[in-house]
Amino acid sequence: MLTRRVVLGGAFASSSSLLTMSCAAQQTVAPYADPVAADKWMRAWIDAANKQTSTNATKAVNGALHLGRFADPMYFLHQTIGWKPNADQAVSYKAVPVPVGFVTDLASVPRAFWSLLRPDGVYSWAAILHDYLYWEQFVSRPQADEIFRFAMQDFKIEPTVIETLYLAVRTGGESAWTTNAELKAKGERRLLKLFPDDPTTTWAEWKVRPGVFG
């Protein structure tokens, strides 16, 4: 099955020279093998993201990151997040709200690169924004990619990491953009109004249930 993560794999490979540069300072590896430790790690990561968002309250990002998760690594927003352009960006870009219930896989980093860039790193907030823009497509793909970069800059992420992720979406995102358009045309939806309460529920199972979408 074609996924955004698979599509971007080649792009990450092409930027591997950037991935080797000082990324360790941005990341810690989540202890997924231990469920209790994994839960503590996720809570700590969300707290850190919330703190960063609060610190940037006068910047272009807003909305603490509150996520639910399916059994597989697919997530959904419990609270709206949003981005707005800074003064020098406002001529070309408009504010982007990402609504409650949007389903995302966070950052589409291929597993081979997880030791350097986790899919759930501090750039996950920007990745959710980018996922939403790639799904809704009310801006052009280059604009979506630029907003992704702007949002990472608002989080003061290391420039090397920003450019690596930006290069990945610029060089490998076209197929994901096209695939999303095709899925939408076939009736797939990504905005939930009902959330699962069974932790064993997968995204594939939930999205075919009647009445779960807004």
C-alpha atoms as a PDB file:
ATOM      1  CA  MET A   1       0.000   0.000   0.000  1.00  0.00           C
ATOM      2  CA  LEU A   2       1.314   3.425  -0.937  1.00  0.00           C
ATOM      3  CA  THR A   3       1.688   5.679   2.086  1.00  0.00           C
ATOM      4  CA  ARG A   4       3.160   9.111   2.647  1.00  0.00           C
ATOM      5  CA  ARG A   5       5.987   7.538   4.637  1.00  0.00           C
ATOM      6  CA  VAL A   6       6.867   5.156   1.796  1.00  0.00           C
ATOM      7  CA  VAL A   7       6.720   7.956  -0.771  1.00  0.00           C
ATOM      8  CA  LEU A   8       9.103  10.161   1.199  1.00  0.00           C
ATOM      9  CA  GLY A   9      11.590   7.367   1.843  1.00  0.00           C
ATOM     10  CA  GLY A  10      13.496   8.056  -1.342  1.00  0.00           C
ATOM     11  CA  ALA A  11      13.638  11.745  -0.541  1.00  0.00           C
ATOM     12  CA  PHE A  12      15.157  11.060   2.872  1.00  0.00           C
ATOM     13  CA  ALA A  13      17.734   8.798   1.271  1.00  0.00           C
ATOM     14  CA  SER A  14      18.705  11.586  -1.115  1.00  0.00           C
ATOM     15  CA  SER A  15      19.306  13.935   1.832  1.00  0.00           C
ATOM     16  CA  SER A  16      21.232  11.446   3.980  1.00  0.00           C
ATOM     17  CA  SER A  17      24.298  13.686   4.105  1.00  0.00           C
ATOM     18  CA  LEU A  18      22.248  16.259   6.004  1.00  0.00           C
ATOM     19  CA  LEU A  19      20.821  13.648   8.342  1.00  0.00           C
ATOM     20  CA  THR A  20      24.270  12.836   9.709  1.00  0.00           C
ATOM     21  CA  MET A  21      24.779  16.391  11.000  1.00  0.00           C
ATOM     22  CA  SER A  22      24.064  17.180  14.665  1.00  0.00           C
ATOM     23  CA  CYS A  23      20.555  15.685  14.787  1.00  0.00           C
ATOM     24  CA  ALA A  24      21.143  13.838  18.041  1.00  0.00           C
ATOM     25  CA  ALA A  25      20.612  17.017  20.028  1.00  0.00           C
ATOM     26  CA  GLN A  26      17.064  17.207  18.700  1.00  0.00           C
ATOM     27  CA  GLN A  27      15.969  13.687  19.556  1.00  0.00           C
ATOM     28  CA  THR A  28      15.616  10.933  22.112  1.00  0.00           C
ATOM     29  CA  VAL A  29      14.405   7.461  21.192  1.00  0.00           C
ATOM     30  CA  ALA A  30      11.041   6.434  22.618  1.00  0.00           C
ATOM     31  CA  PRO A  31      11.107   3.177  24.622  1.00  0.00           C
ATOM     32  CA  TYR A  32       8.289   1.555  22.644  1.00  0.00           C
ATOM     33  CA  ALA A  33       9.176  -1.932  23.877  1.00  0.00           C
ATOM     34  CA  ASP A  34       7.965  -1.066  27.393  1.00  0.00           C
ATOM     35  CA  PRO A  35       4.328   0.195  27.370  1.00  0.00           C
ATOM     36  CA  VAL A  36       4.643   1.982  30.722  1.00  0.00           C
ATOM     37  CA  ALA A  37       7.870   3.680  29.700  1.00  0.00           C
ATOM     38  CA  ALA A  38       6.372   4.514  26.301  1.00  0.00           C
ATOM     39  CA  ASP A  39       3.410   6.215  27.948  1.00  0.00           C
ATOM     40  CA  LYS A  40       5.706   8.265  30.202  1.00  0.00           C
ATOM     41  CA  TRP A  41       7.861   9.168  27.186  1.00  0.00           C
ATOM     42  CA  MET A  42       4.840  10.296  25.133  1.00  0.00           C
ATOM     43  CA  ARG A  43       3.515  12.408  28.009  1.00  0.00           C
ATOM     44  CA  ALA A  44       6.920  14.030  28.433  1.00  0.00           C
ATOM     45  CA  TRP A  45       7.128  14.725  24.699  1.00  0.00           C
ATOM     46  CA  ILE A  46       3.645  16.309  24.655  1.00  0.00           C
ATOM     47  CA  ASP A  47       4.508  18.402  27.721  1.00  0.00           C
ATOM     48  CA  ALA A  48       7.655  19.622  25.967  1.00  0.00           C
ATOM     49  CA  ALA A  49       5.720  20.484  22.822  1.00  0.00           C
ATOM     50  CA  ASN A  50       3.097  22.304  24.890  1.00  0.00           C
ATOM     51  CA  LYS A  51       5.785  24.267  26.704  1.00  0.00           C
ATOM     52  CA  GLN A  52       7.392  25.222  23.408  1.00  0.00           C
ATOM     53  CA  THR A  53       4.028  26.341  22.010  1.00  0.00           C
ATOM     54  CA  SER A  54       3.382  28.417  25.152  1.00  0.00           C
ATOM     55  CA  THR A  55       6.829  29.982  24.842  1.00  0.00           C
ATOM     56  CA  ASN A  56       5.973  30.952  21.273  1.00  0.00           C
ATOM     57  CA  ALA A  57       2.570  32.427  22.193  1.00  0.00           C
ATOM     58  CA  THR A  58       3.388  35.658  20.354  1.00  0.00           C
ATOM     59  CA  LYS A  59       4.686  33.748  17.353  1.00  0.00           C
ATOM     60  CA  ALA A  60       2.816  32.114  14.490  1.00  0.00           C
ATOM     61  CA  VAL A  61       1.936  28.785  16.168  1.00  0.00           C
ATOM     62  CA  ASN A  62      -0.841  28.275  18.686  1.00  0.00           C
ATOM     63  CA  GLY A  63      -2.786  25.479  20.360  1.00  0.00           C
ATOM     64  CA  ALA A  64      -1.360  22.944  22.778  1.00  0.00           C
ATOM     65  CA  LEU A  65      -0.877  19.534  21.202  1.00  0.00           C
ATOM     66  CA  HIS A  66      -3.430  17.043  22.563  1.00  0.00           C
ATOM     67  CA  LEU A  67      -3.413  13.735  20.690  1.00  0.00           C
ATOM     68  CA  GLY A  68      -5.275  10.445  20.749  1.00  0.00           C
ATOM     69  CA  ARG A  69      -3.861   7.350  19.117  1.00  0.00           C
ATOM     70  CA  PHE A  70      -5.146   4.246  17.389  1.00  0.00           C
ATOM     71  CA  ALA A  71      -3.514   0.869  18.053  1.00  0.00           C
ATOM     72  CA  ASP A  72      -1.337   1.467  15.006  1.00  0.00           C
ATOM     73  CA  PRO A  73       0.800   4.657  14.864  1.00  0.00           C
ATOM     74  CA  MET A  74      -1.998   6.912  13.615  1.00  0.00           C
ATOM     75  CA  TYR A  75      -3.095   9.874  15.718  1.00  0.00           C
ATOM     76  CA  PHE A  76      -6.008  12.315  15.962  1.00  0.00           C
ATOM     77  CA  LEU A  77      -6.281  15.803  17.400  1.00  0.00           C
ATOM     78  CA  HIS A  78      -8.288  16.376  20.564  1.00  0.00           C
ATOM     79  CA  GLN A  79      -7.764  20.131  20.339  1.00  0.00           C
ATOM     80  CA  THR A  80      -7.469  22.563  17.445  1.00  0.00           C
ATOM     81  CA  ILE A  81      -4.001  23.843  16.569  1.00  0.00           C
ATOM     82  CA  GLY A  82      -3.243  26.717  14.257  1.00  0.00           C
ATOM     83  CA  TRP A  83      -0.591  28.661  12.399  1.00  0.00           C
ATOM     84  CA  LYS A  84      -0.647  32.255  11.218  1.00  0.00           C
ATOM     85  CA  PRO A  85       1.889  34.103   9.069  1.00  0.00           C
ATOM     86  CA  ASN A  86       4.310  36.552  10.583  1.00  0.00           C
ATOM     87  CA  ALA A  87       4.225  40.103   9.246  1.00  0.00           C
ATOM     88  CA  ASP A  88       6.732  39.428   6.477  1.00  0.00           C
ATOM     89  CA  GLN A  89       4.817  36.293   5.374  1.00  0.00           C
ATOM     90  CA  ALA A  90       1.299  37.721   5.435  1.00  0.00           C
ATOM     91  CA  VAL A  91       1.402  39.014   1.850  1.00  0.00           C
ATOM     92  CA  SER A  92       1.577  35.470   0.453  1.00  0.00           C
ATOM     93  CA  TYR A  93       0.173  33.245   3.221  1.00  0.00           C
ATOM     94  CA  LYS A  94      -3.013  33.039   5.300  1.00  0.00           C
ATOM     95  CA  ALA A  95      -3.708  31.536   8.712  1.00  0.00           C
ATOM     96  CA  VAL A  96      -4.240  27.761   8.859  1.00  0.00           C
ATOM     97  CA  PRO A  97      -6.392  26.173  11.599  1.00  0.00           C
ATOM     98  CA  VAL A  98      -6.194  22.376  11.958  1.00  0.00           C
ATOM     99  CA  PRO A  99      -9.478  21.169  13.495  1.00  0.00           C
ATOM    100  CA  VAL A 100     -10.249  18.696  16.233  1.00  0.00           C
ATOM    101  CA  GLY A 101     -10.500  15.159  14.849  1.00  0.00           C
ATOM    102  CA  PHE A 102      -7.919  15.435  12.086  1.00  0.00           C
ATOM    103  CA  VAL A 103      -6.098  12.108  11.580  1.00  0.00           C
ATOM    104  CA  THR A 104      -2.332  12.149  10.999  1.00  0.00           C
ATOM    105  CA  ASP A 105       0.736   9.894  11.085  1.00  0.00           C
ATOM    106  CA  LEU A 106       2.895  12.776  12.421  1.00  0.00           C
ATOM    107  CA  ALA A 107       6.202  13.199  10.574  1.00  0.00           C
ATOM    108  CA  SER A 108       6.646  10.731   7.716  1.00  0.00           C
ATOM    109  CA  VAL A 109      10.202   9.727   8.529  1.00  0.00           C
ATOM    110  CA  PRO A 110      11.168   6.298   7.133  1.00  0.00           C
ATOM    111  CA  ARG A 111      12.120   3.797   9.849  1.00  0.00           C
ATOM    112  CA  ALA A 112      15.715   3.575   8.571  1.00  0.00           C
ATOM    113  CA  PHE A 113      16.276   7.167   9.729  1.00  0.00           C
ATOM    114  CA  TRP A 114      14.608   6.931  13.155  1.00  0.00           C
ATOM    115  CA  SER A 115      17.933   6.887  14.990  1.00  0.00           C
ATOM    116  CA  LEU A 116      18.455  10.438  13.706  1.00  0.00           C
ATOM    117  CA  LEU A 117      14.945  11.833  13.217  1.00  0.00           C
ATOM    118  CA  ARG A 118      12.007  10.338  15.077  1.00  0.00           C
ATOM    119  CA  PRO A 119       8.554  10.588  13.449  1.00  0.00           C
ATOM    120  CA  ASP A 120       7.340  12.066  16.746  1.00  0.00           C
ATOM    121  CA  GLY A 121      10.047  14.664  17.296  1.00  0.00           C
ATOM    122  CA  VAL A 122       9.475  18.293  18.263  1.00  0.00           C
ATOM    123  CA  TYR A 123       8.709  18.985  14.583  1.00  0.00           C
ATOM    124  CA  SER A 124       5.572  16.815  14.889  1.00  0.00           C
ATOM    125  CA  TRP A 125       3.420  19.912  15.474  1.00  0.00           C
ATOM    126  CA  ALA A 126       4.580  21.286  12.099  1.00  0.00           C
ATOM    127  CA  ALA A 127       4.174  17.849  10.508  1.00  0.00           C
ATOM    128  CA  ILE A 128       0.503  17.697  11.549  1.00  0.00           C
ATOM    129  CA  LEU A 129      -0.022  21.111   9.987  1.00  0.00           C
ATOM    130  CA  HIS A 130       1.695  19.879   6.817  1.00  0.00           C
ATOM    131  CA  ASP A 131      -0.378  16.687   6.742  1.00  0.00           C
ATOM    132  CA  TYR A 132      -3.541  18.773   6.978  1.00  0.00           C
ATOM    133  CA  LEU A 133      -2.479  21.056   4.122  1.00  0.00           C
ATOM    134  CA  TYR A 134      -1.583  18.030   1.969  1.00  0.00           C
ATOM    135  CA  TRP A 135      -4.989  16.522   2.705  1.00  0.00           C
ATOM    136  CA  GLU A 136      -7.216  19.583   2.254  1.00  0.00           C
ATOM    137  CA  GLN A 137      -5.148  21.122  -0.596  1.00  0.00           C
ATOM    138  CA  PHE A 138      -6.601  24.631  -0.323  1.00  0.00           C
ATOM    139  CA  VAL A 139      -3.083  25.970  -0.885  1.00  0.00           C
ATOM    140  CA  SER A 140      -0.562  24.831  -3.489  1.00  0.00           C
ATOM    141  CA  ARG A 141       1.934  22.097  -2.645  1.00  0.00           C
ATOM    142  CA  PRO A 142       4.911  24.520  -2.651  1.00  0.00           C
ATOM    143  CA  GLN A 143       2.990  26.779  -0.259  1.00  0.00           C
ATOM    144  CA  ALA A 144       2.201  23.825   2.008  1.00  0.00           C
ATOM    145  CA  ASP A 145       5.880  22.921   2.113  1.00  0.00           C
ATOM    146  CA  GLU A 146       6.882  26.508   2.878  1.00  0.00           C
ATOM    147  CA  ILE A 147       4.366  26.721   5.735  1.00  0.00           C
ATOM    148  CA  PHE A 148       5.849  23.478   7.086  1.00  0.00           C
ATOM    149  CA  ARG A 149       9.263  25.138   7.088  1.00  0.00           C
ATOM    150  CA  PHE A 150       7.921  28.340   8.668  1.00  0.00           C
ATOM    151  CA  ALA A 151       6.253  26.359  11.466  1.00  0.00           C
ATOM    152  CA  MET A 152       9.483  24.493  12.222  1.00  0.00           C
ATOM    153  CA  GLN A 153      11.312  27.816  12.354  1.00  0.00           C
ATOM    154  CA  ASP A 154       8.707  29.076  14.846  1.00  0.00           C
ATOM    155  CA  PHE A 155       9.650  26.127  17.063  1.00  0.00           C
ATOM    156  CA  LYS A 156      13.323  27.118  16.752  1.00  0.00           C
ATOM    157  CA  ILE A 157      14.272  23.687  15.451  1.00  0.00           C
ATOM    158  CA  GLU A 158      17.879  23.246  14.382  1.00  0.00           C
ATOM    159  CA  PRO A 159      18.328  24.594  10.812  1.00  0.00           C
ATOM    160  CA  THR A 160      19.939  21.354   9.632  1.00  0.00           C
ATOM    161  CA  VAL A 161      16.851  19.392  10.674  1.00  0.00           C
ATOM    162  CA  ILE A 162      14.521  21.948   9.111  1.00  0.00           C
ATOM    163  CA  GLU A 163      16.307  21.829   5.771  1.00  0.00           C
ATOM    164  CA  THR A 164      16.458  18.019   5.797  1.00  0.00           C
ATOM    165  CA  LEU A 165      12.718  17.686   6.353  1.00  0.00           C
ATOM    166  CA  TYR A 166      11.905  20.505   3.947  1.00  0.00           C
ATOM    167  CA  LEU A 167      14.084  18.922   1.231  1.00  0.00           C
ATOM    168  CA  ALA A 168      12.339  15.599   1.821  1.00  0.00           C
ATOM    169  CA  VAL A 169       8.862  17.010   1.217  1.00  0.00           C
ATOM    170  CA  ARG A 170       9.935  19.145  -1.725  1.00  0.00           C
ATOM    171  CA  THR A 171      11.608  16.255  -3.534  1.00  0.00           C
ATOM    172  CA  GLY A 172       9.317  13.410  -2.477  1.00  0.00           C
ATOM    173  CA  GLY A 173       5.934  14.920  -1.724  1.00  0.00           C
ATOM    174  CA  GLU A 174       4.309  15.049  -5.159  1.00  0.00           C
ATOM    175  CA  SER A 175       3.138  11.436  -5.079  1.00  0.00           C
ATOM    176  CA  ALA A 176       1.685  11.886  -1.585  1.00  0.00           C
ATOM    177  CA  TRP A 177      -0.165  14.999  -2.757  1.00  0.00           C
ATOM    178  CA  THR A 178      -1.578  13.148  -5.773  1.00  0.00           C
ATOM    179  CA  THR A 179      -2.492  10.079  -3.723  1.00  0.00           C
ATOM    180  CA  ASN A 180      -4.373  12.204  -1.201  1.00  0.00           C
ATOM    181  CA  ALA A 181      -6.396  13.808  -3.983  1.00  0.00           C
ATOM    182  CA  GLU A 182      -7.264  10.365  -5.355  1.00  0.00           C
ATOM    183  CA  LEU A 183      -8.281   9.051  -1.911  1.00  0.00           C
ATOM    184  CA  LYS A 184     -10.519  12.062  -1.318  1.00  0.00           C
ATOM    185  CA  ALA A 185     -12.118  11.569  -4.727  1.00  0.00           C
ATOM    186  CA  LYS A 186     -12.918   7.998  -3.693  1.00  0.00           C
ATOM    187  CA  GLY A 187     -14.595   9.226  -0.516  1.00  0.00           C
ATOM    188  CA  GLU A 188     -11.904   8.763   2.146  1.00  0.00           C
ATOM    189  CA  ARG A 189     -12.208  11.173   5.078  1.00  0.00           C
ATOM    190  CA  ARG A 190      -9.816  12.335   7.793  1.00  0.00           C
ATOM    191  CA  LEU A 191     -11.900  14.493  10.165  1.00  0.00           C
ATOM    192  CA  LEU A 192     -13.380  12.468  13.005  1.00  0.00           C
ATOM    193  CA  LYS A 193     -16.360  13.435  15.139  1.00  0.00           C
ATOM    194  CA  LEU A 194     -16.241  10.207  17.172  1.00  0.00           C
ATOM    195  CA  PHE A 195     -13.079   8.822  18.783  1.00  0.00           C
ATOM    196  CA  PRO A 196     -12.382   5.191  19.723  1.00  0.00           C
ATOM    197  CA  ASP A 197     -12.372   4.215  23.390  1.00  0.00           C
ATOM    198  CA  ASP A 198     -10.948   0.741  22.771  1.00  0.00           C
ATOM    199  CA  PRO A 199      -7.124   0.964  22.666  1.00  0.00           C
ATOM    200  CA  THR A 200      -6.919  -2.054  20.357  1.00  0.00           C
ATOM    201  CA  THR A 201      -8.849  -0.292  17.570  1.00  0.00           C
ATOM    202  CA  THR A 202      -6.840   0.387  14.424  1.00  0.00           C
ATOM    203  CA  TRP A 203      -7.296   3.277  12.026  1.00  0.00           C
ATOM    204  CA  ALA A 204      -8.216   0.845   9.231  1.00  0.00           C
ATOM    205  CA  GLU A 205     -11.009  -0.577  11.394  1.00  0.00           C
ATOM    206  CA  TRP A 206     -12.307   2.763  12.655  1.00  0.00           C
ATOM    207  CA  LYS A 207     -12.468   4.615   9.340  1.00  0.00           C
ATOM    208  CA  VAL A 208     -14.935   2.120   7.837  1.00  0.00           C
ATOM    209  CA  ARG A 209     -17.393   2.393  10.738  1.00  0.00           C
ATOM    210  CA  PRO A 210     -20.523   4.427  10.028  1.00  0.00           C
ATOM    211  CA  GLY A 211     -21.004   7.796  11.677  1.00  0.00           C
ATOM    212  CA  VAL A 212     -17.448   8.405  12.909  1.00  0.00           C
ATOM    213  CA  PHE A 213     -16.734  11.379  10.639  1.00  0.00           C
ATOM    214  CA  GLY A 214     -17.928  14.954  10.937  1.00  0.00           C
END
